[in-house]
């Protein structure tokens, strides 16, 4: 009987949303850029967490 492999959850495979800056004018101000940096770092952290969870799922699937 072949072993069943658990599927990687779809939320780990979905793209991480790209945050866009909230601009009050045509140019990004320093304050707006710091807020955007926070959003970008949060998106990067989310993407890295998804990748780590996918790696764990793959290790479990391969029996490591």
C-alpha atoms as a PDB file:
ATOM      1  CA  UNK A   1       0.000   0.000   0.000  1.00  0.00           C
ATOM      2  CA  UNK A   2       1.560   3.323  -1.013  1.00  0.00           C
ATOM      3  CA  UNK A   3       2.042   5.942   1.672  1.00  0.00           C
ATOM      4  CA  UNK A   4      -0.155   8.988   1.464  1.00  0.00           C
ATOM      5  CA  UNK A   5       1.634  12.303   1.320  1.00  0.00           C
ATOM      6  CA  UNK A   6       0.067  15.222   3.140  1.00  0.00           C
ATOM      7  CA  UNK A   7      -0.567  18.196   0.930  1.00  0.00           C
ATOM      8  CA  UNK A   8       1.079  21.505   1.656  1.00  0.00           C
ATOM      9  CA  UNK A   9      -1.662  23.914   2.800  1.00  0.00           C
ATOM     10  CA  UNK A  10      -2.787  26.285   0.051  1.00  0.00           C
ATOM     11  CA  UNK A  11      -2.215  29.357   2.245  1.00  0.00           C
ATOM     12  CA  UNK A  12       1.503  28.543   2.291  1.00  0.00           C
ATOM     13  CA  UNK A  13       1.606  28.431  -1.495  1.00  0.00           C
ATOM     14  CA  UNK A  14      -0.361  31.593  -2.196  1.00  0.00           C
ATOM     15  CA  UNK A  15       1.580  34.723  -3.151  1.00  0.00           C
ATOM     16  CA  UNK A  16       2.449  37.222  -0.445  1.00  0.00           C
ATOM     17  CA  UNK A  17       0.565  40.471  -1.072  1.00  0.00           C
ATOM     18  CA  UNK A  18       2.829  43.324  -2.158  1.00  0.00           C
ATOM     19  CA  UNK A  19       2.322  46.405  -0.004  1.00  0.00           C
ATOM     20  CA  UNK A  20       2.254  49.682  -1.901  1.00  0.00           C
ATOM     21  CA  UNK A  21       3.109  52.994  -0.278  1.00  0.00           C
ATOM     22  CA  UNK A  22       0.388  55.298   1.004  1.00  0.00           C
ATOM     23  CA  UNK A  23       1.332  58.587  -0.663  1.00  0.00           C
ATOM     24  CA  UNK A  24      -0.227  61.971  -0.028  1.00  0.00           C
ATOM     25  CA  UNK A  25       1.296  63.567  -3.147  1.00  0.00           C
ATOM     26  CA  UNK A  26       3.330  62.689  -6.220  1.00  0.00           C
ATOM     27  CA  UNK A  27       6.464  62.029  -4.177  1.00  0.00           C
ATOM     28  CA  UNK A  28       7.041  59.674  -1.284  1.00  0.00           C
ATOM     29  CA  UNK A  29       7.938  61.586   1.876  1.00  0.00           C
ATOM     30  CA  UNK A  30      10.450  60.348   4.431  1.00  0.00           C
ATOM     31  CA  UNK A  31       7.683  59.545   6.905  1.00  0.00           C
ATOM     32  CA  UNK A  32       5.703  57.666   4.272  1.00  0.00           C
ATOM     33  CA  UNK A  33       8.800  55.700   3.327  1.00  0.00           C
ATOM     34  CA  UNK A  34       9.369  54.566   6.927  1.00  0.00           C
ATOM     35  CA  UNK A  35       5.765  53.341   7.106  1.00  0.00           C
ATOM     36  CA  UNK A  36       6.236  51.550   3.781  1.00  0.00           C
ATOM     37  CA  UNK A  37       9.450  49.951   5.067  1.00  0.00           C
ATOM     38  CA  UNK A  38       7.493  48.501   7.993  1.00  0.00           C
ATOM     39  CA  UNK A  39       4.900  47.059   5.595  1.00  0.00           C
ATOM     40  CA  UNK A  40       7.613  45.603   3.343  1.00  0.00           C
ATOM     41  CA  UNK A  41       9.406  43.987   6.295  1.00  0.00           C
ATOM     42  CA  UNK A  42       6.121  42.532   7.511  1.00  0.00           C
ATOM     43  CA  UNK A  43       5.443  41.059   4.044  1.00  0.00           C
ATOM     44  CA  UNK A  44       8.965  39.621   3.933  1.00  0.00           C
ATOM     45  CA  UNK A  45       8.502  38.073   7.374  1.00  0.00           C
ATOM     46  CA  UNK A  46       5.226  36.517   6.257  1.00  0.00           C
ATOM     47  CA  UNK A  47       6.827  35.085   3.110  1.00  0.00           C
ATOM     48  CA  UNK A  48       9.744  33.675   5.111  1.00  0.00           C
ATOM     49  CA  UNK A  49       7.357  32.084   7.630  1.00  0.00           C
ATOM     50  CA  UNK A  50       5.417  30.460   4.777  1.00  0.00           C
ATOM     51  CA  UNK A  51       8.632  29.084   3.288  1.00  0.00           C
ATOM     52  CA  UNK A  52       9.734  27.702   6.660  1.00  0.00           C
ATOM     53  CA  UNK A  53       6.354  26.017   7.148  1.00  0.00           C
ATOM     54  CA  UNK A  54       6.532  24.520   3.646  1.00  0.00           C
ATOM     55  CA  UNK A  55      10.027  23.179   4.403  1.00  0.00           C
ATOM     56  CA  UNK A  56       8.722  21.599   7.630  1.00  0.00           C
ATOM     57  CA  UNK A  57       5.861  19.999   5.714  1.00  0.00           C
ATOM     58  CA  UNK A  58       8.317  18.621   3.146  1.00  0.00           C
ATOM     59  CA  UNK A  59      10.544  17.199   5.908  1.00  0.00           C
ATOM     60  CA  UNK A  60       7.531  15.541   7.528  1.00  0.00           C
ATOM     61  CA  UNK A  61       6.458  14.187   4.174  1.00  0.00           C
ATOM     62  CA  UNK A  62       9.886  12.719   3.473  1.00  0.00           C
ATOM     63  CA  UNK A  63      10.105  11.248   6.971  1.00  0.00           C
ATOM     64  CA  UNK A  64      13.077  13.240   8.228  1.00  0.00           C
END
